[in-house]
């Protein structure tokens, strides 16, 4: 079973560094005399404090991963921009998604020979 989890960023408790930091599970930890976790349950393996720490680490990792992917996407977009501009100049009637391998090879060769093809037009 897969759950569709959505977290409102402003609803998460954060430490001074801005990282998610829960301190409690939200229920009182039962005394071990009266509490027997079900076999195969999370609490049969981890304590309440460990569950809280695992949630904090998982949320930190997810946020870090989202930032890393966004940074990578921006970098790829910046690196690809000159190639896309050159493609538009070499093949004005083709869209980027309609360029084939042969056309892309021609664009790359022309861009290597004439770098100004990839420059942004100012004006």
N, C-alpha and C. Protein backbone atom coordinates (compact mmCIF):
# COMPACT_ATOMS: atom_id res chain seq x y z
N UNK A 1 0.84 -1.17 0.00
CA UNK A 1 0.00 0.00 0.00
C UNK A 1 0.89 1.24 0.00
N UNK A 2 0.66 2.13 -0.94
CA UNK A 2 1.44 3.36 -1.03
C UNK A 2 0.55 4.53 -0.64
N UNK A 3 1.05 5.35 0.27
CA UNK A 3 0.30 6.52 0.72
C UNK A 3 0.75 7.75 -0.04
N UNK A 4 -0.17 8.62 -0.34
CA UNK A 4 0.15 9.89 -0.97
C UNK A 4 0.39 10.90 0.15
N UNK A 5 1.65 11.12 0.49
CA UNK A 5 1.99 12.01 1.59
C UNK A 5 2.26 13.41 1.07
N UNK A 6 1.64 14.38 1.71
CA UNK A 6 1.89 15.78 1.39
C UNK A 6 2.10 16.52 2.71
N UNK A 7 3.20 17.23 2.79
CA UNK A 7 3.54 17.93 4.02
C UNK A 7 3.57 19.42 3.73
N UNK A 8 2.89 20.17 4.56
CA UNK A 8 2.96 21.63 4.46
C UNK A 8 4.25 22.05 5.14
N UNK A 9 5.14 22.68 4.38
CA UNK A 9 6.45 23.05 4.90
C UNK A 9 6.34 23.95 6.13
N UNK A 10 5.36 24.83 6.15
CA UNK A 10 5.26 25.75 7.28
C UNK A 10 4.72 25.09 8.54
N UNK A 11 4.24 23.87 8.45
CA UNK A 11 3.68 23.18 9.60
C UNK A 11 4.73 22.34 10.32
N UNK A 12 5.92 22.23 9.79
CA UNK A 12 6.94 21.38 10.38
C UNK A 12 7.76 22.17 11.40
N UNK A 13 8.01 21.59 12.58
CA UNK A 13 8.87 22.27 13.55
C UNK A 13 10.32 22.23 13.05
N UNK A 14 11.01 23.33 13.23
CA UNK A 14 12.39 23.42 12.71
C UNK A 14 13.34 23.92 13.78
N UNK A 15 14.61 23.51 13.66
CA UNK A 15 15.63 24.00 14.59
C UNK A 15 16.22 25.30 14.05
N UNK A 16 17.24 25.82 14.72
CA UNK A 16 17.84 27.11 14.31
C UNK A 16 18.46 27.05 12.93
N UNK A 17 18.92 25.87 12.51
CA UNK A 17 19.52 25.71 11.18
C UNK A 17 18.47 25.58 10.09
N UNK A 18 17.20 25.48 10.47
CA UNK A 18 16.13 25.36 9.49
C UNK A 18 15.76 23.93 9.14
N UNK A 19 16.39 22.97 9.80
CA UNK A 19 16.10 21.56 9.53
C UNK A 19 14.88 21.12 10.34
N UNK A 20 14.13 20.17 9.80
CA UNK A 20 12.99 19.62 10.50
C UNK A 20 13.47 18.99 11.80
N UNK A 21 12.77 19.29 12.90
CA UNK A 21 13.18 18.71 14.17
C UNK A 21 11.96 18.46 15.05
N UNK A 22 11.43 17.25 14.94
CA UNK A 22 10.39 16.82 15.86
C UNK A 22 11.09 16.37 17.14
N UNK A 23 10.43 16.53 18.28
CA UNK A 23 11.03 16.11 19.55
C UNK A 23 10.27 14.96 20.19
N UNK A 24 9.02 14.80 19.83
CA UNK A 24 8.20 13.74 20.42
C UNK A 24 7.36 13.08 19.35
N UNK A 25 6.91 11.88 19.63
CA UNK A 25 6.05 11.16 18.72
C UNK A 25 4.62 11.70 18.76
N UNK A 26 4.23 12.27 19.91
CA UNK A 26 2.91 12.86 20.02
C UNK A 26 1.97 12.06 20.89
N UNK A 27 2.48 10.95 21.40
CA UNK A 27 1.71 10.16 22.36
C UNK A 27 2.66 9.80 23.49
N UNK A 28 2.11 9.54 24.65
CA UNK A 28 2.95 9.16 25.78
C UNK A 28 3.48 7.76 25.57
N UNK A 29 4.75 7.60 25.87
CA UNK A 29 5.35 6.26 25.75
C UNK A 29 4.81 5.39 26.87
N UNK A 30 4.18 4.30 26.53
CA UNK A 30 3.63 3.43 27.57
C UNK A 30 4.74 2.74 28.35
N UNK A 31 4.44 2.42 29.56
CA UNK A 31 5.42 1.69 30.38
C UNK A 31 5.56 0.28 29.81
N UNK A 32 6.77 -0.21 29.82
CA UNK A 32 7.04 -1.51 29.20
C UNK A 32 6.26 -2.65 29.85
N UNK A 33 5.83 -2.49 31.13
CA UNK A 33 5.07 -3.55 31.80
C UNK A 33 3.73 -3.80 31.11
N UNK A 34 3.14 -2.72 30.59
CA UNK A 34 1.80 -2.82 30.04
C UNK A 34 1.77 -2.78 28.51
N UNK A 35 2.93 -2.55 27.91
CA UNK A 35 2.96 -2.34 26.47
C UNK A 35 3.73 -3.47 25.80
N UNK A 36 3.07 -4.15 24.89
CA UNK A 36 3.73 -5.17 24.09
C UNK A 36 3.44 -4.86 22.63
N UNK A 37 4.46 -4.41 21.88
CA UNK A 37 4.23 -4.09 20.48
C UNK A 37 3.86 -5.33 19.67
N UNK A 38 3.07 -5.14 18.67
CA UNK A 38 2.69 -6.24 17.79
C UNK A 38 3.90 -6.71 16.99
N UNK A 39 4.02 -7.99 16.76
CA UNK A 39 5.13 -8.50 15.95
C UNK A 39 5.08 -7.88 14.55
N UNK A 40 6.23 -7.47 14.07
CA UNK A 40 6.30 -6.88 12.74
C UNK A 40 6.00 -5.40 12.72
N UNK A 41 5.67 -4.81 13.86
CA UNK A 41 5.37 -3.38 13.91
C UNK A 41 6.65 -2.57 14.08
N UNK A 42 6.59 -1.31 13.74
CA UNK A 42 7.75 -0.42 13.88
C UNK A 42 8.20 -0.38 15.34
N UNK A 43 7.25 -0.34 16.25
CA UNK A 43 7.60 -0.24 17.67
C UNK A 43 8.13 -1.54 18.26
N UNK A 44 8.07 -2.62 17.50
CA UNK A 44 8.70 -3.85 17.98
C UNK A 44 10.20 -3.83 17.68
N UNK A 45 10.61 -2.89 16.85
CA UNK A 45 12.03 -2.77 16.48
C UNK A 45 12.66 -1.50 17.03
N UNK A 46 11.91 -0.39 16.99
CA UNK A 46 12.45 0.91 17.40
C UNK A 46 11.70 1.46 18.61
N UNK A 47 12.42 2.25 19.40
CA UNK A 47 11.77 2.96 20.50
C UNK A 47 11.09 4.20 19.94
N UNK A 48 10.29 4.85 20.79
CA UNK A 48 9.61 6.07 20.36
C UNK A 48 10.63 7.12 19.93
N UNK A 49 11.70 7.28 20.72
CA UNK A 49 12.73 8.28 20.39
C UNK A 49 13.42 7.95 19.08
N UNK A 50 13.65 6.68 18.82
CA UNK A 50 14.28 6.28 17.56
C UNK A 50 13.36 6.55 16.38
N UNK A 51 12.06 6.35 16.55
CA UNK A 51 11.10 6.64 15.48
C UNK A 51 11.13 8.13 15.16
N UNK A 52 11.15 8.97 16.19
CA UNK A 52 11.22 10.42 15.99
C UNK A 52 12.50 10.78 15.24
N UNK A 53 13.62 10.21 15.63
CA UNK A 53 14.90 10.49 14.96
C UNK A 53 14.87 10.02 13.51
N UNK A 54 14.30 8.86 13.25
CA UNK A 54 14.20 8.36 11.87
C UNK A 54 13.34 9.28 11.01
N UNK A 55 12.25 9.78 11.55
CA UNK A 55 11.39 10.72 10.81
C UNK A 55 12.15 12.00 10.51
N UNK A 56 12.87 12.53 11.50
CA UNK A 56 13.66 13.75 11.28
C UNK A 56 14.69 13.54 10.18
N UNK A 57 15.39 12.42 10.24
CA UNK A 57 16.43 12.14 9.22
C UNK A 57 15.82 11.95 7.83
N UNK A 58 14.70 11.27 7.77
CA UNK A 58 14.05 11.04 6.47
C UNK A 58 13.58 12.35 5.87
N UNK A 59 12.98 13.21 6.67
CA UNK A 59 12.51 14.50 6.16
C UNK A 59 13.67 15.38 5.74
N UNK A 60 14.76 15.36 6.51
CA UNK A 60 15.96 16.12 6.13
C UNK A 60 16.48 15.64 4.78
N UNK A 61 16.56 14.31 4.62
CA UNK A 61 17.06 13.74 3.36
C UNK A 61 16.17 14.11 2.19
N UNK A 62 14.86 14.07 2.38
CA UNK A 62 13.93 14.42 1.30
C UNK A 62 14.07 15.89 0.91
N UNK A 63 14.21 16.77 1.90
CA UNK A 63 14.39 18.19 1.59
C UNK A 63 15.72 18.43 0.89
N UNK A 64 16.78 17.78 1.36
CA UNK A 64 18.09 17.91 0.74
C UNK A 64 18.04 17.43 -0.71
N UNK A 65 17.39 16.30 -0.92
CA UNK A 65 17.27 15.73 -2.26
C UNK A 65 16.50 16.67 -3.19
N UNK A 66 15.44 17.28 -2.70
CA UNK A 66 14.66 18.22 -3.52
C UNK A 66 15.51 19.42 -3.91
N UNK A 67 16.28 19.95 -2.95
CA UNK A 67 17.16 21.09 -3.27
C UNK A 67 18.23 20.69 -4.27
N UNK A 68 18.81 19.50 -4.10
CA UNK A 68 19.86 19.04 -5.01
C UNK A 68 19.32 18.85 -6.43
N UNK A 69 18.11 18.30 -6.54
CA UNK A 69 17.51 18.11 -7.87
C UNK A 69 17.20 19.45 -8.53
N UNK A 70 16.71 20.40 -7.76
CA UNK A 70 16.42 21.73 -8.32
C UNK A 70 17.70 22.42 -8.79
N UNK A 71 18.76 22.29 -8.00
CA UNK A 71 20.05 22.88 -8.37
C UNK A 71 20.58 22.24 -9.65
N UNK A 72 20.48 20.93 -9.72
CA UNK A 72 20.95 20.20 -10.90
C UNK A 72 20.14 20.61 -12.14
N UNK A 73 18.83 20.75 -11.97
CA UNK A 73 17.96 21.16 -13.09
C UNK A 73 18.34 22.55 -13.59
N UNK A 74 18.59 23.48 -12.66
CA UNK A 74 19.00 24.84 -13.06
C UNK A 74 20.33 24.80 -13.83
N UNK A 75 21.27 24.01 -13.32
CA UNK A 75 22.58 23.90 -13.97
C UNK A 75 22.44 23.31 -15.38
N UNK A 76 21.64 22.26 -15.52
CA UNK A 76 21.44 21.65 -16.84
C UNK A 76 20.76 22.62 -17.80
N UNK A 77 19.80 23.37 -17.30
CA UNK A 77 19.11 24.36 -18.13
C UNK A 77 20.09 25.42 -18.63
N UNK A 78 20.95 25.89 -17.72
CA UNK A 78 21.95 26.89 -18.10
C UNK A 78 22.95 26.33 -19.12
N UNK A 79 23.35 25.08 -18.94
CA UNK A 79 24.31 24.47 -19.86
C UNK A 79 23.70 24.21 -21.23
N UNK A 80 22.41 23.92 -21.26
CA UNK A 80 21.73 23.58 -22.50
C UNK A 80 21.26 24.80 -23.28
N UNK A 81 21.14 25.94 -22.61
CA UNK A 81 20.60 27.14 -23.25
C UNK A 81 21.35 27.54 -24.53
N UNK A 82 22.68 27.58 -24.54
CA UNK A 82 23.38 27.95 -25.78
C UNK A 82 23.13 26.96 -26.92
N UNK A 83 23.01 25.69 -26.59
CA UNK A 83 22.76 24.67 -27.61
C UNK A 83 21.36 24.88 -28.20
N UNK A 84 20.38 25.17 -27.34
CA UNK A 84 19.01 25.40 -27.81
C UNK A 84 18.94 26.66 -28.68
N UNK A 85 19.66 27.71 -28.27
CA UNK A 85 19.66 28.93 -29.09
C UNK A 85 20.29 28.67 -30.46
N UNK A 86 21.39 27.91 -30.47
CA UNK A 86 22.05 27.58 -31.73
C UNK A 86 21.13 26.73 -32.61
N UNK A 87 20.41 25.79 -31.99
CA UNK A 87 19.49 24.94 -32.75
C UNK A 87 18.39 25.77 -33.39
N UNK A 88 17.92 26.75 -32.66
CA UNK A 88 16.86 27.61 -33.19
C UNK A 88 17.36 28.43 -34.39
N UNK A 89 18.63 28.81 -34.35
CA UNK A 89 19.19 29.58 -35.47
C UNK A 89 19.52 28.69 -36.67
N UNK A 90 19.99 27.48 -36.40
CA UNK A 90 20.35 26.57 -37.49
C UNK A 90 19.10 25.95 -38.12
N UNK A 91 18.13 25.60 -37.29
CA UNK A 91 16.88 24.99 -37.76
C UNK A 91 15.69 25.81 -37.24
N UNK A 92 15.42 26.95 -37.84
CA UNK A 92 14.36 27.82 -37.31
C UNK A 92 12.95 27.22 -37.39
N UNK A 93 12.75 26.24 -38.25
CA UNK A 93 11.42 25.66 -38.41
C UNK A 93 11.20 24.40 -37.58
N UNK A 94 12.20 24.00 -36.81
CA UNK A 94 12.07 22.81 -35.97
C UNK A 94 12.07 23.21 -34.50
N UNK A 95 11.25 22.53 -33.71
CA UNK A 95 11.29 22.75 -32.27
C UNK A 95 12.38 21.88 -31.68
N UNK A 96 12.79 22.21 -30.46
CA UNK A 96 13.86 21.47 -29.80
C UNK A 96 13.48 19.99 -29.69
N UNK A 97 12.24 19.71 -29.36
CA UNK A 97 11.82 18.31 -29.17
C UNK A 97 11.75 17.54 -30.50
N UNK A 98 11.70 18.24 -31.62
CA UNK A 98 11.63 17.57 -32.92
C UNK A 98 13.00 17.38 -33.57
N UNK A 99 14.05 17.86 -32.90
CA UNK A 99 15.39 17.66 -33.46
C UNK A 99 15.80 16.20 -33.31
N UNK A 100 16.32 15.64 -34.37
CA UNK A 100 16.82 14.28 -34.33
C UNK A 100 18.31 14.28 -34.01
N UNK A 101 18.88 13.10 -33.93
CA UNK A 101 20.30 12.97 -33.64
C UNK A 101 21.16 13.64 -34.71
N UNK A 102 20.76 13.48 -35.97
CA UNK A 102 21.54 14.07 -37.07
C UNK A 102 21.53 15.59 -36.98
N UNK A 103 20.35 16.17 -36.73
CA UNK A 103 20.26 17.63 -36.62
C UNK A 103 21.05 18.14 -35.41
N UNK A 104 20.96 17.42 -34.31
CA UNK A 104 21.68 17.83 -33.11
C UNK A 104 23.20 17.77 -33.34
N UNK A 105 23.63 16.78 -34.08
CA UNK A 105 25.06 16.67 -34.40
C UNK A 105 25.50 17.87 -35.23
N UNK A 106 24.68 18.25 -36.21
CA UNK A 106 24.99 19.43 -37.04
C UNK A 106 25.05 20.69 -36.17
N UNK A 107 24.08 20.83 -35.28
CA UNK A 107 24.05 22.00 -34.39
C UNK A 107 25.32 22.05 -33.55
N UNK A 108 25.72 20.92 -32.96
CA UNK A 108 26.91 20.88 -32.12
C UNK A 108 28.17 21.21 -32.92
N UNK A 109 28.25 20.70 -34.14
CA UNK A 109 29.40 21.01 -34.99
C UNK A 109 29.44 22.49 -35.33
N UNK A 110 28.29 23.05 -35.70
CA UNK A 110 28.22 24.48 -36.03
C UNK A 110 28.54 25.34 -34.80
N UNK A 111 28.07 24.92 -33.65
CA UNK A 111 28.32 25.67 -32.41
C UNK A 111 29.80 25.64 -32.06
N UNK A 112 30.46 24.51 -32.29
CA UNK A 112 31.90 24.40 -32.03
C UNK A 112 32.69 25.30 -32.97
N UNK A 113 32.24 25.38 -34.22
CA UNK A 113 32.94 26.20 -35.21
C UNK A 113 32.59 27.68 -35.06
N UNK A 114 31.38 27.96 -34.60
CA UNK A 114 30.90 29.34 -34.52
C UNK A 114 30.18 29.55 -33.17
N UNK A 115 30.94 29.77 -32.08
CA UNK A 115 30.35 29.88 -30.75
C UNK A 115 29.30 31.00 -30.61
N UNK A 116 29.36 31.99 -31.47
CA UNK A 116 28.39 33.09 -31.37
C UNK A 116 26.96 32.62 -31.66
N UNK A 117 26.80 31.45 -32.29
CA UNK A 117 25.47 30.90 -32.55
C UNK A 117 24.71 30.65 -31.24
N UNK A 118 25.43 30.35 -30.18
CA UNK A 118 24.80 30.04 -28.91
C UNK A 118 24.64 31.22 -27.98
N UNK A 119 25.13 32.36 -28.41
CA UNK A 119 25.05 33.55 -27.55
C UNK A 119 23.64 34.11 -27.54
N UNK A 120 23.30 34.70 -26.41
CA UNK A 120 21.99 35.30 -26.26
C UNK A 120 21.95 36.63 -27.02
N UNK A 121 20.86 36.83 -27.74
CA UNK A 121 20.69 38.07 -28.48
C UNK A 121 20.22 39.15 -27.52
N UNK A 122 20.97 40.24 -27.47
CA UNK A 122 20.58 41.35 -26.59
C UNK A 122 19.97 42.46 -27.43
N UNK A 123 18.93 43.00 -26.88
CA UNK A 123 18.36 44.12 -27.61
C UNK A 123 16.89 44.16 -27.65
